[in-house]
Amino acid sequence: MKKFLLMTILIASTNLLFSQESLKIDWLDKYEWEILSNQENDNIHVIEIIPGKEEAENWTLLGQMMSIKGAVNVPMDKAKDLMFEQAKATSPKAKLTLIEKNQEDEFPWILFKIENPYFKNDKKPESQLWYIRQGKTSLYVNFIAMKKKKLKDEFVEEWSNVFKASEIVELQKGKG
């Protein structure tokens, strides 16, 4: 897990001329995460992960970490609403539930879930627990998804604790 976490931090910070920070999330060891995709351009960096014993076509859990470079001072409710609008475009029956937010933190954050019973082009459900956190130089948009109509309370509690334990970390210059 330490290798995966270190790799995640390093991957999320490859453009050190632009950013000197990253969001550190300690993804649960029990899933033995593997990177499904890792894409980056000048504006955004997205990493998707699945449990190590799963296949890309048939995952049961999917984690996503996104850094939106240069997005600063984004109101947390605005970020939440944007994610929900995107969900509603493909899943008209999507349901949004705010779980918790902290606007007073040095790095404000919001935690919410979007439950999708089906999509316009796919009748399979998918629901996500979202965690968005504002950094000094980027907006960090993360979620954990399951192919379920609704997220169980135990799942939400477990992953809420994982996300809320995350931290913005300063990276050393010349590393990465």
C-alpha atoms as a PDB file:
ATOM      1  CA  MET A   1       0.000   0.000   0.000  1.00  0.00           C
ATOM      2  CA  LYS A   2       2.810   2.414   0.779  1.00  0.00           C
ATOM      3  CA  LYS A   3       4.132   1.948  -2.759  1.00  0.00           C
ATOM      4  CA  PHE A   4       0.668   2.636  -4.203  1.00  0.00           C
ATOM      5  CA  LEU A   5       0.196   5.717  -2.021  1.00  0.00           C
ATOM      6  CA  LEU A   6       3.631   7.078  -2.867  1.00  0.00           C
ATOM      7  CA  MET A   7       3.040   6.395  -6.546  1.00  0.00           C
ATOM      8  CA  THR A   8      -0.335   8.164  -6.369  1.00  0.00           C
ATOM      9  CA  ILE A   9       1.221  11.233  -4.788  1.00  0.00           C
ATOM     10  CA  LEU A  10       4.059  11.286  -7.308  1.00  0.00           C
ATOM     11  CA  ILE A  11       1.778  10.734 -10.293  1.00  0.00           C
ATOM     12  CA  ALA A  12      -0.577  13.453  -9.104  1.00  0.00           C
ATOM     13  CA  SER A  13       2.315  15.879  -8.894  1.00  0.00           C
ATOM     14  CA  THR A  14       4.347  15.246 -12.028  1.00  0.00           C
ATOM     15  CA  ASN A  15       4.006  18.835 -13.165  1.00  0.00           C
ATOM     16  CA  LEU A  16       6.041  20.406 -10.376  1.00  0.00           C
ATOM     17  CA  LEU A  17       6.429  23.690 -12.245  1.00  0.00           C
ATOM     18  CA  PHE A  18       2.701  24.149 -11.865  1.00  0.00           C
ATOM     19  CA  SER A  19       1.978  22.743  -8.441  1.00  0.00           C
ATOM     20  CA  GLN A  20       3.851  22.047  -5.243  1.00  0.00           C
ATOM     21  CA  GLU A  21       1.061  20.147  -3.529  1.00  0.00           C
ATOM     22  CA  SER A  22      -1.028  17.026  -3.784  1.00  0.00           C
ATOM     23  CA  LEU A  23      -3.958  15.415  -1.992  1.00  0.00           C
ATOM     24  CA  LYS A  24      -2.908  12.342  -0.013  1.00  0.00           C
ATOM     25  CA  ILE A  25      -5.645   9.728   0.438  1.00  0.00           C
ATOM     26  CA  ASP A  26      -4.891   6.472   2.244  1.00  0.00           C
ATOM     27  CA  TRP A  27      -6.995   4.112   0.121  1.00  0.00           C
ATOM     28  CA  LEU A  28      -7.947   0.996   2.098  1.00  0.00           C
ATOM     29  CA  ASP A  29      -5.248  -1.710   1.913  1.00  0.00           C
ATOM     30  CA  LYS A  30      -7.716  -4.584   1.858  1.00  0.00           C
ATOM     31  CA  TYR A  31      -8.505  -3.938  -1.828  1.00  0.00           C
ATOM     32  CA  GLU A  32      -4.916  -4.157  -3.130  1.00  0.00           C
ATOM     33  CA  TRP A  33      -5.615  -1.340  -5.602  1.00  0.00           C
ATOM     34  CA  GLU A  34      -4.336  -1.316  -9.164  1.00  0.00           C
ATOM     35  CA  ILE A  35      -4.256   1.664 -11.509  1.00  0.00           C
ATOM     36  CA  LEU A  36      -6.851   1.281 -14.255  1.00  0.00           C
ATOM     37  CA  SER A  37      -6.048   4.535 -16.051  1.00  0.00           C
ATOM     38  CA  ASN A  38      -3.808   7.545 -15.604  1.00  0.00           C
ATOM     39  CA  GLN A  39      -4.367  10.522 -17.906  1.00  0.00           C
ATOM     40  CA  GLU A  40      -3.006  14.026 -17.682  1.00  0.00           C
ATOM     41  CA  ASN A  41      -2.907  17.225 -19.697  1.00  0.00           C
ATOM     42  CA  ASP A  42      -2.099  20.845 -18.867  1.00  0.00           C
ATOM     43  CA  ASN A  43      -5.415  21.348 -17.044  1.00  0.00           C
ATOM     44  CA  ILE A  44      -6.404  18.073 -15.439  1.00  0.00           C
ATOM     45  CA  HIS A  45      -4.993  14.819 -14.087  1.00  0.00           C
ATOM     46  CA  VAL A  46      -7.246  11.774 -13.598  1.00  0.00           C
ATOM     47  CA  ILE A  47      -6.322   8.440 -12.043  1.00  0.00           C
ATOM     48  CA  GLU A  48      -8.799   5.561 -11.825  1.00  0.00           C
ATOM     49  CA  ILE A  49      -8.215   2.548  -9.594  1.00  0.00           C
ATOM     50  CA  ILE A  50      -9.923  -0.779  -9.049  1.00  0.00           C
ATOM     51  CA  PRO A  51      -9.307  -3.616  -6.590  1.00  0.00           C
ATOM     52  CA  GLY A  52      -6.343  -5.706  -7.696  1.00  0.00           C
ATOM     53  CA  LYS A  53      -8.373  -8.887  -8.144  1.00  0.00           C
ATOM     54  CA  GLU A  54     -10.914  -7.277 -10.486  1.00  0.00           C
ATOM     55  CA  GLU A  55     -11.070  -6.719 -14.226  1.00  0.00           C
ATOM     56  CA  ALA A  56     -11.652  -3.355 -15.918  1.00  0.00           C
ATOM     57  CA  GLU A  57     -14.821  -4.595 -17.656  1.00  0.00           C
ATOM     58  CA  ASN A  58     -16.372  -6.042 -14.512  1.00  0.00           C
ATOM     59  CA  TRP A  59     -15.362  -3.925 -11.516  1.00  0.00           C
ATOM     60  CA  THR A  60     -17.363  -3.770  -8.305  1.00  0.00           C
ATOM     61  CA  LEU A  61     -15.479  -0.767  -6.867  1.00  0.00           C
ATOM     62  CA  LEU A  62     -13.930   2.099  -8.789  1.00  0.00           C
ATOM     63  CA  GLY A  63     -11.943   4.917  -7.247  1.00  0.00           C
ATOM     64  CA  GLN A  64     -11.213   8.131  -9.082  1.00  0.00           C
ATOM     65  CA  MET A  65      -8.824  10.927  -8.185  1.00  0.00           C
ATOM     66  CA  MET A  66      -8.920  14.085 -10.258  1.00  0.00           C
ATOM     67  CA  SER A  67      -6.809  17.222  -9.912  1.00  0.00           C
ATOM     68  CA  ILE A  68      -8.122  20.278 -11.731  1.00  0.00           C
ATOM     69  CA  LYS A  69      -5.031  22.433 -12.046  1.00  0.00           C
ATOM     70  CA  GLY A  70      -5.421  26.145 -11.423  1.00  0.00           C
ATOM     71  CA  ALA A  71      -8.973  25.791 -10.080  1.00  0.00           C
ATOM     72  CA  VAL A  72      -8.842  27.867  -6.897  1.00  0.00           C
ATOM     73  CA  ASN A  73     -11.433  29.494  -4.653  1.00  0.00           C
ATOM     74  CA  VAL A  74     -14.161  27.193  -5.974  1.00  0.00           C
ATOM     75  CA  PRO A  75     -17.203  27.225  -3.661  1.00  0.00           C
ATOM     76  CA  MET A  76     -17.828  23.666  -2.464  1.00  0.00           C
ATOM     77  CA  ASP A  77     -21.563  23.822  -3.175  1.00  0.00           C
ATOM     78  CA  LYS A  78     -20.815  24.962  -6.729  1.00  0.00           C
ATOM     79  CA  ALA A  79     -18.456  22.004  -7.260  1.00  0.00           C
ATOM     80  CA  LYS A  80     -21.087  19.612  -5.848  1.00  0.00           C
ATOM     81  CA  ASP A  81     -23.785  21.059  -8.086  1.00  0.00           C
ATOM     82  CA  LEU A  82     -21.578  20.725 -11.173  1.00  0.00           C
ATOM     83  CA  MET A  83     -20.963  17.027 -10.449  1.00  0.00           C
ATOM     84  CA  PHE A  84     -24.685  16.474  -9.928  1.00  0.00           C
ATOM     85  CA  GLU A  85     -25.586  18.276 -13.164  1.00  0.00           C
ATOM     86  CA  GLN A  86     -23.220  15.956 -15.041  1.00  0.00           C
ATOM     87  CA  ALA A  87     -24.817  12.921 -13.390  1.00  0.00           C
ATOM     88  CA  LYS A  88     -28.348  14.109 -14.226  1.00  0.00           C
ATOM     89  CA  ALA A  89     -27.404  14.501 -17.898  1.00  0.00           C
ATOM     90  CA  THR A  90     -26.857  10.743 -18.199  1.00  0.00           C
ATOM     91  CA  SER A  91     -29.001   9.500 -15.293  1.00  0.00           C
ATOM     92  CA  PRO A  92     -32.229  11.519 -15.033  1.00  0.00           C
ATOM     93  CA  LYS A  93     -33.290   9.763 -11.807  1.00  0.00           C
ATOM     94  CA  ALA A  94     -29.994  10.479 -10.014  1.00  0.00           C
ATOM     95  CA  LYS A  95     -30.370  11.444  -6.359  1.00  0.00           C
ATOM     96  CA  LEU A  96     -27.998  13.805  -4.533  1.00  0.00           C
ATOM     97  CA  THR A  97     -27.466  13.654  -0.768  1.00  0.00           C
ATOM     98  CA  LEU A  98     -25.183  16.068   1.082  1.00  0.00           C
ATOM     99  CA  ILE A  99     -23.327  14.272   3.862  1.00  0.00           C
ATOM    100  CA  GLU A 100     -20.994  16.871   5.313  1.00  0.00           C
ATOM    101  CA  LYS A 101     -18.929  19.907   4.421  1.00  0.00           C
ATOM    102  CA  ASN A 102     -16.375  22.157   6.035  1.00  0.00           C
ATOM    103  CA  GLN A 103     -16.025  25.621   4.554  1.00  0.00           C
ATOM    104  CA  GLU A 104     -13.926  26.835   7.503  1.00  0.00           C
ATOM    105  CA  ASP A 105     -11.039  24.395   7.006  1.00  0.00           C
ATOM    106  CA  GLU A 106      -7.796  25.812   5.603  1.00  0.00           C
ATOM    107  CA  PHE A 107      -8.596  23.559   2.634  1.00  0.00           C
ATOM    108  CA  PRO A 108     -12.426  23.520   2.379  1.00  0.00           C
ATOM    109  CA  TRP A 109     -14.100  20.223   1.500  1.00  0.00           C
ATOM    110  CA  ILE A 110     -17.480  18.650   0.813  1.00  0.00           C
ATOM    111  CA  LEU A 111     -18.714  15.069   1.015  1.00  0.00           C
ATOM    112  CA  PHE A 112     -21.860  13.897  -0.790  1.00  0.00           C
ATOM    113  CA  LYS A 113     -23.306  10.911  -2.600  1.00  0.00           C
ATOM    114  CA  ILE A 114     -24.960  10.579  -5.964  1.00  0.00           C
ATOM    115  CA  GLU A 115     -27.077   7.468  -6.414  1.00  0.00           C
ATOM    116  CA  ASN A 116     -27.967   6.470  -9.973  1.00  0.00           C
ATOM    117  CA  PRO A 117     -30.550   3.681 -10.453  1.00  0.00           C
ATOM    118  CA  TYR A 118     -29.790   3.529 -14.203  1.00  0.00           C
ATOM    119  CA  PHE A 119     -28.336   5.542 -17.073  1.00  0.00           C
ATOM    120  CA  LYS A 120     -29.819   6.550 -20.419  1.00  0.00           C
ATOM    121  CA  ASN A 121     -27.439   4.231 -22.278  1.00  0.00           C
ATOM    122  CA  ASP A 122     -27.006   1.567 -19.573  1.00  0.00           C
ATOM    123  CA  LYS A 123     -29.631   0.048 -17.296  1.00  0.00           C
ATOM    124  CA  LYS A 124     -27.032  -0.956 -14.676  1.00  0.00           C
ATOM    125  CA  PRO A 125     -26.970   1.208 -11.565  1.00  0.00           C
ATOM    126  CA  GLU A 126     -23.911   3.034 -10.246  1.00  0.00           C
ATOM    127  CA  SER A 127     -23.617   5.199  -7.170  1.00  0.00           C
ATOM    128  CA  GLN A 128     -20.704   7.284  -5.950  1.00  0.00           C
ATOM    129  CA  LEU A 129     -19.513   8.826  -2.726  1.00  0.00           C
ATOM    130  CA  TRP A 130     -17.811  12.097  -3.677  1.00  0.00           C
ATOM    131  CA  TYR A 131     -15.149  14.056  -1.812  1.00  0.00           C
ATOM    132  CA  ILE A 132     -14.044  17.415  -3.181  1.00  0.00           C
ATOM    133  CA  ARG A 133     -11.293  19.435  -1.524  1.00  0.00           C
ATOM    134  CA  GLN A 134      -9.824  22.809  -2.412  1.00  0.00           C
ATOM    135  CA  GLY A 135      -6.043  23.068  -2.425  1.00  0.00           C
ATOM    136  CA  LYS A 136      -3.861  26.128  -2.885  1.00  0.00           C
ATOM    137  CA  THR A 137      -3.271  25.449  -6.588  1.00  0.00           C
ATOM    138  CA  SER A 138      -5.833  22.797  -7.597  1.00  0.00           C
ATOM    139  CA  LEU A 139      -9.294  21.457  -6.907  1.00  0.00           C
ATOM    140  CA  TYR A 140      -9.243  17.761  -5.952  1.00  0.00           C
ATOM    141  CA  VAL A 141     -12.325  15.804  -7.020  1.00  0.00           C
ATOM    142  CA  ASN A 142     -12.477  12.199  -5.826  1.00  0.00           C
ATOM    143  CA  PHE A 143     -15.045   9.442  -5.595  1.00  0.00           C
ATOM    144  CA  ILE A 144     -15.515   5.784  -4.814  1.00  0.00           C
ATOM    145  CA  ALA A 145     -18.199   4.077  -6.912  1.00  0.00           C
ATOM    146  CA  MET A 146     -20.177   0.856  -6.653  1.00  0.00           C
ATOM    147  CA  LYS A 147     -22.515  -0.711  -9.182  1.00  0.00           C
ATOM    148  CA  LYS A 148     -25.490  -0.377  -6.837  1.00  0.00           C
ATOM    149  CA  LYS A 149     -28.679   1.721  -6.856  1.00  0.00           C
ATOM    150  CA  LYS A 150     -27.954   2.921  -3.321  1.00  0.00           C
ATOM    151  CA  LEU A 151     -24.916   3.054  -1.077  1.00  0.00           C
ATOM    152  CA  LYS A 152     -25.242   1.292   2.272  1.00  0.00           C
ATOM    153  CA  ASP A 153     -24.730   3.386   5.400  1.00  0.00           C
ATOM    154  CA  GLU A 154     -21.730   1.275   6.445  1.00  0.00           C
ATOM    155  CA  PHE A 155     -20.050   1.887   3.082  1.00  0.00           C
ATOM    156  CA  VAL A 156     -20.688   5.631   3.302  1.00  0.00           C
ATOM    157  CA  GLU A 157     -19.332   5.771   6.855  1.00  0.00           C
ATOM    158  CA  GLU A 158     -16.210   3.763   6.056  1.00  0.00           C
ATOM    159  CA  TRP A 159     -15.317   5.778   2.957  1.00  0.00           C
ATOM    160  CA  SER A 160     -16.306   9.102   4.526  1.00  0.00           C
ATOM    161  CA  ASN A 161     -13.680   8.396   7.187  1.00  0.00           C
ATOM    162  CA  VAL A 162     -11.100   7.562   4.510  1.00  0.00           C
ATOM    163  CA  PHE A 163     -11.747  10.781   2.608  1.00  0.00           C
ATOM    164  CA  LYS A 164     -11.951  13.018   5.689  1.00  0.00           C
ATOM    165  CA  ALA A 165      -8.588  11.653   6.867  1.00  0.00           C
ATOM    166  CA  SER A 166      -6.959  12.852   3.625  1.00  0.00           C
ATOM    167  CA  GLU A 167      -4.629  15.806   3.649  1.00  0.00           C
ATOM    168  CA  ILE A 168      -3.106  18.365   1.338  1.00  0.00           C
ATOM    169  CA  VAL A 169       0.643  17.731   1.366  1.00  0.00           C
ATOM    170  CA  GLU A 170       3.426  20.025   0.278  1.00  0.00           C
ATOM    171  CA  LEU A 171       5.855  18.412  -2.138  1.00  0.00           C
ATOM    172  CA  GLN A 172       9.571  19.014  -2.048  1.00  0.00           C
ATOM    173  CA  LYS A 173      11.006  20.863  -5.018  1.00  0.00           C
ATOM    174  CA  GLY A 174      13.104  18.746  -7.337  1.00  0.00           C
ATOM    175  CA  LYS A 175      11.297  15.510  -6.355  1.00  0.00           C
ATOM    176  CA  GLY A 176       8.932  13.546  -8.543  1.00  0.00           C
END
